[in-house]
Amino acid sequence: MAGIWRDFVVAVVTALRRRDEQAIADERRRAVERLAEETIRQQRRTTDPPE
């Protein structure tokens, strides 16, 4: 009986950990996208002639 509870707890902890890892990966992806967009904006400002 204890083995069943242990397996259940391990499954719950694993599921929560995966969700946290996915949230971290999503935040990293959004940060990289924001950095790329800002870098592109800066490059355009320096290469575009002033009006």
Protein backbone atom coordinates (compact mmCIF):
# COMPACT_ATOMS: atom_id res chain seq x y z
CA MET A 1 0.00 0.00 0.00
CA ALA A 2 2.85 2.39 0.81
CA GLY A 3 4.30 1.76 -2.64
CA ILE A 4 1.12 3.01 -4.29
CA TRP A 5 1.18 6.25 -2.28
CA ARG A 6 4.87 6.70 -2.98
CA ASP A 7 4.26 6.29 -6.72
CA PHE A 8 1.37 8.75 -6.52
CA VAL A 9 3.48 11.38 -4.74
CA VAL A 10 6.33 10.91 -7.22
CA ALA A 11 3.89 11.34 -10.12
CA VAL A 12 2.44 14.54 -8.64
CA VAL A 13 5.88 16.02 -7.94
CA THR A 14 7.06 15.12 -11.44
CA ALA A 15 3.99 16.73 -13.00
CA LEU A 16 4.49 19.93 -11.00
CA ARG A 17 8.19 20.05 -11.84
CA ARG A 18 7.48 19.68 -15.57
CA ARG A 19 4.96 22.51 -15.41
CA ASP A 20 7.55 24.75 -13.70
CA GLU A 21 10.18 23.81 -16.28
CA GLN A 22 7.75 24.62 -19.09
CA ALA A 23 6.96 28.00 -17.53
CA ILE A 24 10.67 28.79 -17.25
CA ALA A 25 11.27 27.73 -20.85
CA ASP A 26 8.35 29.91 -22.03
CA GLU A 27 9.70 32.92 -20.13
CA ARG A 28 13.17 32.40 -21.61
CA ARG A 29 11.69 32.20 -25.10
CA ARG A 30 9.74 35.44 -24.56
CA ALA A 31 12.87 37.16 -23.22
CA VAL A 32 14.88 36.11 -26.27
CA GLU A 33 12.12 37.35 -28.57
CA ARG A 34 12.01 40.72 -26.78
CA LEU A 35 15.79 41.02 -26.99
CA ALA A 36 15.73 40.18 -30.71
CA GLU A 37 13.00 42.75 -31.38
CA GLU A 38 14.88 45.45 -29.46
CA THR A 39 18.12 44.63 -31.28
CA ILE A 40 16.34 44.87 -34.63
CA ARG A 41 14.83 48.25 -33.65
CA GLN A 42 18.24 49.58 -32.62
CA GLN A 43 19.84 48.39 -35.86
CA ARG A 44 17.11 50.04 -37.90
CA ARG A 45 17.57 53.32 -36.02
CA THR A 46 21.30 53.36 -36.73
CA THR A 47 20.98 52.36 -40.42
CA ASP A 48 17.93 54.43 -41.39
CA PRO A 49 18.78 57.98 -42.41
CA PRO A 50 17.09 60.70 -40.35
CA GLU A 51 14.08 62.29 -42.00
